[in-house]
């Protein structure tokens, strides 16, 4: 589809998107939910393999900045 409309495609895959308006719940919003559990003195359940929970966290402002930069200078097959 992108080739038909002459638009360079872009795929963003972040583990956990976070930011100032993020409201975390148990299975989404890892960082804000972890802080919420700490402040409310609640138990935090670790999801993952053998007690290891690995999640990427990226701030919404960083995603917006990347999208703008990509719009300004699109490039194919870049990592």
PDB file of N, CA and C in Angstrom:
ATOM      1  N   UNK A   1       0.824  -1.196   0.000  1.00  0.00           N
ATOM      2  CA  UNK A   1       0.000   0.000   0.000  1.00  0.00           C
ATOM      3  C   UNK A   1       0.867   1.258   0.000  1.00  0.00           C
ATOM      4  N   UNK A   2       1.951   1.256   0.805  1.00  0.00           N
ATOM      5  CA  UNK A   2       2.801   2.439   0.872  1.00  0.00           C
ATOM      6  C   UNK A   2       3.399   2.784  -0.484  1.00  0.00           C
ATOM      7  N   UNK A   3       3.757   1.754  -1.261  1.00  0.00           N
ATOM      8  CA  UNK A   3       4.333   2.001  -2.589  1.00  0.00           C
ATOM      9  C   UNK A   3       3.301   2.604  -3.536  1.00  0.00           C
ATOM     10  N   UNK A   4       2.052   2.208  -3.397  1.00  0.00           N
ATOM     11  CA  UNK A   4       0.986   2.721  -4.269  1.00  0.00           C
ATOM     12  C   UNK A   4       0.779   4.217  -4.063  1.00  0.00           C
ATOM     13  N   UNK A   5       0.838   4.664  -2.835  1.00  0.00           N
ATOM     14  CA  UNK A   5       0.610   6.084  -2.536  1.00  0.00           C
ATOM     15  C   UNK A   5       1.909   6.868  -2.372  1.00  0.00           C
ATOM     16  N   UNK A   6       3.041   6.211  -2.718  1.00  0.00           N
ATOM     17  CA  UNK A   6       4.357   6.842  -2.634  1.00  0.00           C
ATOM     18  C   UNK A   6       4.652   7.392  -1.238  1.00  0.00           C
ATOM     19  N   UNK A   7       4.441   6.553  -0.257  1.00  0.00           N
ATOM     20  CA  UNK A   7       4.683   6.938   1.131  1.00  0.00           C
ATOM     21  C   UNK A   7       5.666   5.949   1.754  1.00  0.00           C
ATOM     22  N   UNK A   8       6.803   6.410   2.271  1.00  0.00           N
ATOM     23  CA  UNK A   8       7.734   5.484   2.900  1.00  0.00           C
ATOM     24  C   UNK A   8       7.126   4.909   4.186  1.00  0.00           C
ATOM     25  N   UNK A   9       7.137   3.598   4.322  1.00  0.00           N
ATOM     26  CA  UNK A   9       6.555   2.992   5.524  1.00  0.00           C
ATOM     27  C   UNK A   9       7.488   3.103   6.718  1.00  0.00           C
ATOM     28  N   UNK A  10       6.903   3.019   7.878  1.00  0.00           N
ATOM     29  CA  UNK A  10       7.668   3.060   9.121  1.00  0.00           C
ATOM     30  C   UNK A  10       6.966   2.153  10.128  1.00  0.00           C
ATOM     31  N   UNK A  11       7.722   1.334  10.795  1.00  0.00           N
ATOM     32  CA  UNK A  11       7.154   0.441  11.802  1.00  0.00           C
ATOM     33  C   UNK A  11       7.817   0.727  13.136  1.00  0.00           C
ATOM     34  N   UNK A  12       7.043   1.106  14.110  1.00  0.00           N
ATOM     35  CA  UNK A  12       7.559   1.356  15.457  1.00  0.00           C
ATOM     36  C   UNK A  12       7.060   0.258  16.376  1.00  0.00           C
ATOM     37  N   UNK A  13       7.968  -0.320  17.127  1.00  0.00           N
ATOM     38  CA  UNK A  13       7.556  -1.339  18.079  1.00  0.00           C
ATOM     39  C   UNK A  13       8.242  -1.065  19.401  1.00  0.00           C
ATOM     40  N   UNK A  14       7.491  -0.542  20.320  1.00  0.00           N
ATOM     41  CA  UNK A  14       8.016  -0.297  21.653  1.00  0.00           C
ATOM     42  C   UNK A  14       7.352  -1.240  22.638  1.00  0.00           C
ATOM     43  N   UNK A  15       8.069  -1.666  23.639  1.00  0.00           N
ATOM     44  CA  UNK A  15       7.489  -2.573  24.626  1.00  0.00           C
ATOM     45  C   UNK A  15       6.412  -1.884  25.443  1.00  0.00           C
ATOM     46  N   UNK A  16       6.767  -0.812  26.082  1.00  0.00           N
ATOM     47  CA  UNK A  16       5.826  -0.074  26.927  1.00  0.00           C
ATOM     48  C   UNK A  16       5.954   1.409  26.623  1.00  0.00           C
ATOM     49  N   UNK A  17       4.867   1.999  26.199  1.00  0.00           N
ATOM     50  CA  UNK A  17       4.833   3.430  25.941  1.00  0.00           C
ATOM     51  C   UNK A  17       4.422   4.116  27.237  1.00  0.00           C
ATOM     52  N   UNK A  18       5.188   5.103  27.625  1.00  0.00           N
ATOM     53  CA  UNK A  18       4.893   5.800  28.866  1.00  0.00           C
ATOM     54  C   UNK A  18       4.914   7.302  28.621  1.00  0.00           C
ATOM     55  N   UNK A  19       4.439   8.063  29.554  1.00  0.00           N
ATOM     56  CA  UNK A  19       4.409   9.513  29.411  1.00  0.00           C
ATOM     57  C   UNK A  19       3.639  10.145  30.547  1.00  0.00           C
ATOM     58  N   UNK A  20       3.471  11.453  30.505  1.00  0.00           N
ATOM     59  CA  UNK A  20       2.873  12.175  31.630  1.00  0.00           C
ATOM     60  C   UNK A  20       1.404  11.835  31.890  1.00  0.00           C
ATOM     61  N   UNK A  21       0.687  11.371  30.893  1.00  0.00           N
ATOM     62  CA  UNK A  21      -0.737  11.064  31.086  1.00  0.00           C
ATOM     63  C   UNK A  21      -1.018   9.572  31.153  1.00  0.00           C
ATOM     64  N   UNK A  22       0.014   8.802  31.342  1.00  0.00           N
ATOM     65  CA  UNK A  22      -0.147   7.350  31.375  1.00  0.00           C
ATOM     66  C   UNK A  22      -0.723   6.917  32.724  1.00  0.00           C
ATOM     67  N   UNK A  23      -1.763   6.115  32.660  1.00  0.00           N
ATOM     68  CA  UNK A  23      -2.321   5.566  33.898  1.00  0.00           C
ATOM     69  C   UNK A  23      -2.184   4.052  33.834  1.00  0.00           C
ATOM     70  N   UNK A  24      -1.300   3.513  34.626  1.00  0.00           N
ATOM     71  CA  UNK A  24      -0.978   2.099  34.567  1.00  0.00           C
ATOM     72  C   UNK A  24      -1.972   1.218  35.297  1.00  0.00           C
ATOM     73  N   UNK A  25      -2.156   0.038  34.748  1.00  0.00           N
ATOM     74  CA  UNK A  25      -2.931  -1.023  35.382  1.00  0.00           C
ATOM     75  C   UNK A  25      -2.054  -2.268  35.376  1.00  0.00           C
ATOM     76  N   UNK A  26      -2.519  -3.330  35.982  1.00  0.00           N
ATOM     77  CA  UNK A  26      -1.652  -4.483  36.230  1.00  0.00           C
ATOM     78  C   UNK A  26      -0.930  -5.024  35.000  1.00  0.00           C
ATOM     79  N   UNK A  27      -1.600  -5.188  33.885  1.00  0.00           N
ATOM     80  CA  UNK A  27      -0.941  -5.794  32.732  1.00  0.00           C
ATOM     81  C   UNK A  27      -0.487  -4.786  31.679  1.00  0.00           C
ATOM     82  N   UNK A  28      -0.765  -3.516  31.861  1.00  0.00           N
ATOM     83  CA  UNK A  28      -0.322  -2.470  30.947  1.00  0.00           C
ATOM     84  C   UNK A  28       0.184  -1.297  31.761  1.00  0.00           C
ATOM     85  N   UNK A  29       1.181  -0.633  31.264  1.00  0.00           N
ATOM     86  CA  UNK A  29       1.688   0.534  31.984  1.00  0.00           C
ATOM     87  C   UNK A  29       2.610   0.157  33.116  1.00  0.00           C
ATOM     88  N   UNK A  30       3.602  -0.661  32.791  1.00  0.00           N
ATOM     89  CA  UNK A  30       4.509  -1.226  33.777  1.00  0.00           C
ATOM     90  C   UNK A  30       5.067  -0.197  34.770  1.00  0.00           C
ATOM     91  N   UNK A  31       5.680   0.866  34.276  1.00  0.00           N
ATOM     92  CA  UNK A  31       6.330   1.805  35.193  1.00  0.00           C
ATOM     93  C   UNK A  31       5.350   2.522  36.104  1.00  0.00           C
ATOM     94  N   UNK A  32       4.275   3.046  35.542  1.00  0.00           N
ATOM     95  CA  UNK A  32       3.338   3.782  36.392  1.00  0.00           C
ATOM     96  C   UNK A  32       2.617   2.842  37.361  1.00  0.00           C
ATOM     97  N   UNK A  33       2.374   1.609  36.928  1.00  0.00           N
ATOM     98  CA  UNK A  33       1.729   0.659  37.839  1.00  0.00           C
ATOM     99  C   UNK A  33       2.680   0.243  38.963  1.00  0.00           C
ATOM    100  N   UNK A  34       3.955   0.068  38.641  1.00  0.00           N
ATOM    101  CA  UNK A  34       4.948  -0.272  39.662  1.00  0.00           C
ATOM    102  C   UNK A  34       5.038   0.827  40.719  1.00  0.00           C
ATOM    103  N   UNK A  35       5.067   2.074  40.280  1.00  0.00           N
ATOM    104  CA  UNK A  35       5.106   3.207  41.212  1.00  0.00           C
ATOM    105  C   UNK A  35       3.821   3.266  42.032  1.00  0.00           C
ATOM    106  N   UNK A  36       2.700   3.041  41.360  1.00  0.00           N
ATOM    107  CA  UNK A  36       1.401   3.054  42.047  1.00  0.00           C
ATOM    108  C   UNK A  36       1.380   1.999  43.161  1.00  0.00           C
ATOM    109  N   UNK A  37       1.863   0.802  42.859  1.00  0.00           N
ATOM    110  CA  UNK A  37       1.909  -0.263  43.876  1.00  0.00           C
ATOM    111  C   UNK A  37       2.803   0.139  45.039  1.00  0.00           C
ATOM    112  N   UNK A  38       3.922   0.755  44.722  1.00  0.00           N
ATOM    113  CA  UNK A  38       4.838   1.177  45.776  1.00  0.00           C
ATOM    114  C   UNK A  38       4.191   2.224  46.671  1.00  0.00           C
ATOM    115  N   UNK A  39       3.576   3.226  46.072  1.00  0.00           N
ATOM    116  CA  UNK A  39       2.958   4.301  46.851  1.00  0.00           C
ATOM    117  C   UNK A  39       1.784   3.809  47.699  1.00  0.00           C
ATOM    118  N   UNK A  40       1.036   2.849  47.150  1.00  0.00           N
ATOM    119  CA  UNK A  40      -0.132   2.324  47.859  1.00  0.00           C
ATOM    120  C   UNK A  40       0.203   1.086  48.695  1.00  0.00           C
ATOM    121  N   UNK A  41       1.513   0.749  48.729  1.00  0.00           N
ATOM    122  CA  UNK A  41       1.998  -0.405  49.493  1.00  0.00           C
ATOM    123  C   UNK A  41       1.260  -1.692  49.122  1.00  0.00           C
ATOM    124  N   UNK A  42       1.053  -1.874  47.818  1.00  0.00           N
ATOM    125  CA  UNK A  42       0.425  -3.082  47.301  1.00  0.00           C
ATOM    126  C   UNK A  42       1.507  -4.008  46.751  1.00  0.00           C
ATOM    127  N   UNK A  43       1.199  -5.296  46.731  1.00  0.00           N
ATOM    128  CA  UNK A  43       2.130  -6.262  46.164  1.00  0.00           C
ATOM    129  C   UNK A  43       2.135  -6.123  44.654  1.00  0.00           C
ATOM    130  N   UNK A  44       3.328  -6.160  44.073  1.00  0.00           N
ATOM    131  CA  UNK A  44       3.473  -6.101  42.617  1.00  0.00           C
ATOM    132  C   UNK A  44       3.777  -7.508  42.118  1.00  0.00           C
ATOM    133  N   UNK A  45       2.981  -8.003  41.194  1.00  0.00           N
ATOM    134  CA  UNK A  45       3.169  -9.342  40.654  1.00  0.00           C
ATOM    135  C   UNK A  45       4.052  -9.267  39.413  1.00  0.00           C
ATOM    136  N   UNK A  46       5.115 -10.068  39.401  1.00  0.00           N
ATOM    137  CA  UNK A  46       6.013 -10.127  38.255  1.00  0.00           C
ATOM    138  C   UNK A  46       5.483 -11.154  37.272  1.00  0.00           C
ATOM    139  N   UNK A  47       5.298 -10.732  36.020  1.00  0.00           N
ATOM    140  CA  UNK A  47       4.896 -11.628  34.948  1.00  0.00           C
ATOM    141  C   UNK A  47       6.130 -11.908  34.103  1.00  0.00           C
ATOM    142  N   UNK A  48       6.341 -13.134  33.777  1.00  0.00           N
ATOM    143  CA  UNK A  48       7.486 -13.453  32.946  1.00  0.00           C
ATOM    144  C   UNK A  48       7.975 -14.862  33.208  1.00  0.00           C
ATOM    145  N   UNK A  49       9.077 -15.172  32.605  1.00  0.00           N
ATOM    146  CA  UNK A  49       9.658 -16.505  32.692  1.00  0.00           C
ATOM    147  C   UNK A  49      10.631 -16.581  33.857  1.00  0.00           C
ATOM    148  N   UNK A  50      10.372 -17.462  34.810  1.00  0.00           N
ATOM    149  CA  UNK A  50      11.229 -17.675  35.981  1.00  0.00           C
ATOM    150  C   UNK A  50      11.470 -16.377  36.766  1.00  0.00           C
ATOM    151  N   UNK A  51      10.443 -15.580  36.880  1.00  0.00           N
ATOM    152  CA  UNK A  51      10.542 -14.358  37.681  1.00  0.00           C
ATOM    153  C   UNK A  51      11.291 -13.219  37.034  1.00  0.00           C
ATOM    154  N   UNK A  52      11.566 -13.322  35.750  1.00  0.00           N
ATOM    155  CA  UNK A  52      12.264 -12.246  35.043  1.00  0.00           C
ATOM    156  C   UNK A  52      11.265 -11.509  34.168  1.00  0.00           C
ATOM    157  N   UNK A  53      11.171 -10.235  34.377  1.00  0.00           N
ATOM    158  CA  UNK A  53      10.252  -9.410  33.606  1.00  0.00           C
ATOM    159  C   UNK A  53      11.076  -8.375  32.864  1.00  0.00           C
ATOM    160  N   UNK A  54      11.156  -8.515  31.566  1.00  0.00           N
ATOM    161  CA  UNK A  54      11.953  -7.608  30.752  1.00  0.00           C
ATOM    162  C   UNK A  54      11.008  -6.813  29.858  1.00  0.00           C
ATOM    163  N   UNK A  55      11.051  -5.509  29.994  1.00  0.00           N
ATOM    164  CA  UNK A  55      10.190  -4.651  29.179  1.00  0.00           C
ATOM    165  C   UNK A  55      10.961  -3.422  28.753  1.00  0.00           C
ATOM    166  N   UNK A  56      10.804  -3.068  27.472  1.00  0.00           N
ATOM    167  CA  UNK A  56      11.362  -1.811  26.978  1.00  0.00           C
ATOM    168  C   UNK A  56      10.406  -0.712  27.420  1.00  0.00           C
ATOM    169  N   UNK A  57      10.930   0.403  27.771  1.00  0.00           N
ATOM    170  CA  UNK A  57      10.089   1.544  28.100  1.00  0.00           C
ATOM    171  C   UNK A  57      10.533   2.718  27.250  1.00  0.00           C
ATOM    172  N   UNK A  58       9.568   3.345  26.593  1.00  0.00           N
ATOM    173  CA  UNK A  58       9.883   4.500  25.763  1.00  0.00           C
ATOM    174  C   UNK A  58       8.850   5.590  26.050  1.00  0.00           C
ATOM    175  N   UNK A  59       9.335   6.785  26.180  1.00  0.00           N
ATOM    176  CA  UNK A  59       8.480   7.927  26.503  1.00  0.00           C
ATOM    177  C   UNK A  59       7.747   8.392  25.247  1.00  0.00           C
ATOM    178  N   UNK A  60       6.508   8.777  25.401  1.00  0.00           N
ATOM    179  CA  UNK A  60       5.689   9.214  24.262  1.00  0.00           C
ATOM    180  C   UNK A  60       6.314  10.396  23.530  1.00  0.00           C
ATOM    181  N   UNK A  61       7.007  11.261  24.244  1.00  0.00           N
ATOM    182  CA  UNK A  61       7.656  12.404  23.601  1.00  0.00           C
ATOM    183  C   UNK A  61       8.778  11.937  22.662  1.00  0.00           C
ATOM    184  N   UNK A  62       9.483  10.873  23.044  1.00  0.00           N
ATOM    185  CA  UNK A  62      10.534  10.337  22.185  1.00  0.00           C
ATOM    186  C   UNK A  62       9.939   9.742  20.906  1.00  0.00           C
ATOM    187  N   UNK A  63       8.795   9.069  21.036  1.00  0.00           N
ATOM    188  CA  UNK A  63       8.133   8.499  19.857  1.00  0.00           C
ATOM    189  C   UNK A  63       7.673   9.618  18.926  1.00  0.00           C
ATOM    190  N   UNK A  64       7.075  10.647  19.481  1.00  0.00           N
ATOM    191  CA  UNK A  64       6.613  11.783  18.668  1.00  0.00           C
ATOM    192  C   UNK A  64       7.786  12.470  17.980  1.00  0.00           C
ATOM    193  N   UNK A  65       8.891  12.625  18.690  1.00  0.00           N
ATOM    194  CA  UNK A  65      10.079  13.252  18.114  1.00  0.00           C
ATOM    195  C   UNK A  65      10.616  12.407  16.954  1.00  0.00           C
ATOM    196  N   UNK A  66      10.675  11.083  17.148  1.00  0.00           N
ATOM    197  CA  UNK A  66      11.135  10.201  16.074  1.00  0.00           C
ATOM    198  C   UNK A  66      10.232  10.307  14.852  1.00  0.00           C
ATOM    199  N   UNK A  67       8.919  10.288  15.082  1.00  0.00           N
ATOM    200  CA  UNK A  67       7.976  10.352  13.969  1.00  0.00           C
ATOM    201  C   UNK A  67       8.167  11.644  13.165  1.00  0.00           C
ATOM    202  N   UNK A  68       8.394  12.742  13.851  1.00  0.00           N
ATOM    203  CA  UNK A  68       8.615  14.016  13.174  1.00  0.00           C
ATOM    204  C   UNK A  68       9.915  13.974  12.368  1.00  0.00           C
ATOM    205  N   UNK A  69      10.983  13.442  12.985  1.00  0.00           N
ATOM    206  CA  UNK A  69      12.270  13.349  12.288  1.00  0.00           C
ATOM    207  C   UNK A  69      12.165  12.439  11.064  1.00  0.00           C
ATOM    208  N   UNK A  70      11.432  11.339  11.198  1.00  0.00           N
ATOM    209  CA  UNK A  70      11.243  10.434  10.063  1.00  0.00           C
ATOM    210  C   UNK A  70      10.456  11.120   8.957  1.00  0.00           C
ATOM    211  N   UNK A  71       9.469  11.886   9.334  1.00  0.00           N
ATOM    212  CA  UNK A  71       8.678  12.648   8.360  1.00  0.00           C
ATOM    213  C   UNK A  71       9.565  13.636   7.602  1.00  0.00           C
ATOM    214  N   UNK A  72      10.479  14.271   8.349  1.00  0.00           N
ATOM    215  CA  UNK A  72      11.383  15.253   7.736  1.00  0.00           C
ATOM    216  C   UNK A  72      12.373  14.612   6.775  1.00  0.00           C
ATOM    217  N   UNK A  73      12.851  13.414   7.092  1.00  0.00           N
ATOM    218  CA  UNK A  73      13.870  12.759   6.271  1.00  0.00           C
ATOM    219  C   UNK A  73      13.635  11.242   6.261  1.00  0.00           C
ATOM    220  N   UNK A  74      12.605  10.783   5.541  1.00  0.00           N
ATOM    221  CA  UNK A  74      12.325   9.357   5.511  1.00  0.00           C
ATOM    222  C   UNK A  74      13.449   8.557   4.862  1.00  0.00           C
ATOM    223  N   UNK A  75      13.661   7.370   5.339  1.00  0.00           N
ATOM    224  CA  UNK A  75      14.706   6.488   4.798  1.00  0.00           C
ATOM    225  C   UNK A  75      14.226   5.062   4.879  1.00  0.00           C
ATOM    226  N   UNK A  76      14.564   4.287   3.867  1.00  0.00           N
ATOM    227  CA  UNK A  76      14.147   2.882   3.828  1.00  0.00           C
ATOM    228  C   UNK A  76      15.168   1.995   4.522  1.00  0.00           C
ATOM    229  N   UNK A  77      14.673   0.948   5.159  1.00  0.00           N
ATOM    230  CA  UNK A  77      15.503  -0.109   5.756  1.00  0.00           C
ATOM    231  C   UNK A  77      16.532   0.420   6.742  1.00  0.00           C
ATOM    232  N   UNK A  78      16.135   1.291   7.622  1.00  0.00           N
ATOM    233  CA  UNK A  78      17.030   1.817   8.661  1.00  0.00           C
ATOM    234  C   UNK A  78      16.619   1.223  10.004  1.00  0.00           C
ATOM    235  N   UNK A  79      17.596   1.005  10.860  1.00  0.00           N
ATOM    236  CA  UNK A  79      17.329   0.504  12.211  1.00  0.00           C
ATOM    237  C   UNK A  79      17.706   1.559  13.215  1.00  0.00           C
TER     238      UNK A  79
END
